[in-house]
Amino acid sequence: MKTVIVLLTLWVILAIVGFALKGLLWLAIIGIVLFVGTLIFGAIRRAGRKAGRAN
């Protein structure tokens, strides 16, 4: 879980830098896409752990 939080933080910083620098808008888009992907991955992984404990 710690890795997911670190990645989410990194992607937010990447998106902010992309929006701050006009020529790097593509960097902001990549940061947002990676943020959403990591968020979904973390949610799926967390749900899998909970399901594993129930059995």
Protein backbone atom coordinates (compact mmCIF):
# COMPACT_ATOMS: atom_id res chain seq x y z
CA MET A 1 0.00 0.00 0.00
CA LYS A 2 2.92 2.32 0.70
CA THR A 3 4.10 1.94 -2.90
CA VAL A 4 0.69 2.95 -4.26
CA ILE A 5 0.66 6.10 -2.10
CA VAL A 6 4.17 7.03 -3.26
CA LEU A 7 3.17 6.52 -6.91
CA LEU A 8 -0.01 8.57 -6.49
CA THR A 9 2.03 11.40 -4.99
CA LEU A 10 4.54 11.20 -7.83
CA TRP A 11 1.80 11.34 -10.48
CA VAL A 12 0.18 14.38 -8.82
CA ILE A 13 3.52 16.20 -8.82
CA LEU A 14 4.04 15.24 -12.47
CA ALA A 15 0.60 16.62 -13.40
CA ILE A 16 1.20 19.88 -11.50
CA VAL A 17 4.53 20.40 -13.26
CA GLY A 18 2.83 19.67 -16.59
CA PHE A 19 0.13 22.27 -15.96
CA ALA A 20 2.63 24.83 -14.62
CA LEU A 21 4.82 24.71 -17.72
CA LYS A 22 2.82 25.53 -20.85
CA GLY A 23 4.92 23.41 -23.19
CA LEU A 24 4.52 20.32 -21.02
CA LEU A 25 0.76 19.88 -21.12
CA TRP A 26 1.35 16.35 -22.39
CA LEU A 27 3.18 15.64 -19.11
CA ALA A 28 0.09 16.69 -17.15
CA ILE A 29 -2.11 14.39 -19.22
CA ILE A 30 0.25 11.46 -18.67
CA GLY A 31 0.36 12.26 -14.94
CA ILE A 32 -3.43 12.23 -14.71
CA VAL A 33 -3.73 8.97 -16.65
CA LEU A 34 -1.10 7.29 -14.48
CA PHE A 35 -2.77 8.64 -11.32
CA VAL A 36 -6.13 7.16 -12.30
CA GLY A 37 -4.51 3.87 -13.36
CA THR A 38 -2.63 3.56 -10.08
CA LEU A 39 -5.77 4.43 -8.12
CA ILE A 40 -7.73 1.69 -9.89
CA PHE A 41 -4.87 -0.80 -9.46
CA GLY A 42 -4.66 -0.03 -5.74
CA ALA A 43 -8.42 -0.41 -5.31
CA ILE A 44 -8.44 -3.77 -7.09
CA ARG A 45 -5.46 -5.00 -5.09
CA ARG A 46 -7.05 -3.88 -1.82
CA ALA A 47 -10.36 -5.56 -2.70
CA GLY A 48 -8.47 -8.76 -3.50
CA ARG A 49 -6.84 -8.76 -0.08
CA LYS A 50 -10.17 -8.30 1.67
CA ALA A 51 -11.74 -11.11 -0.35
CA GLY A 52 -8.78 -13.36 0.45
CA ARG A 53 -9.16 -12.82 4.17
CA ALA A 54 -12.88 -13.70 4.12
CA ASN A 55 -12.20 -17.23 2.86
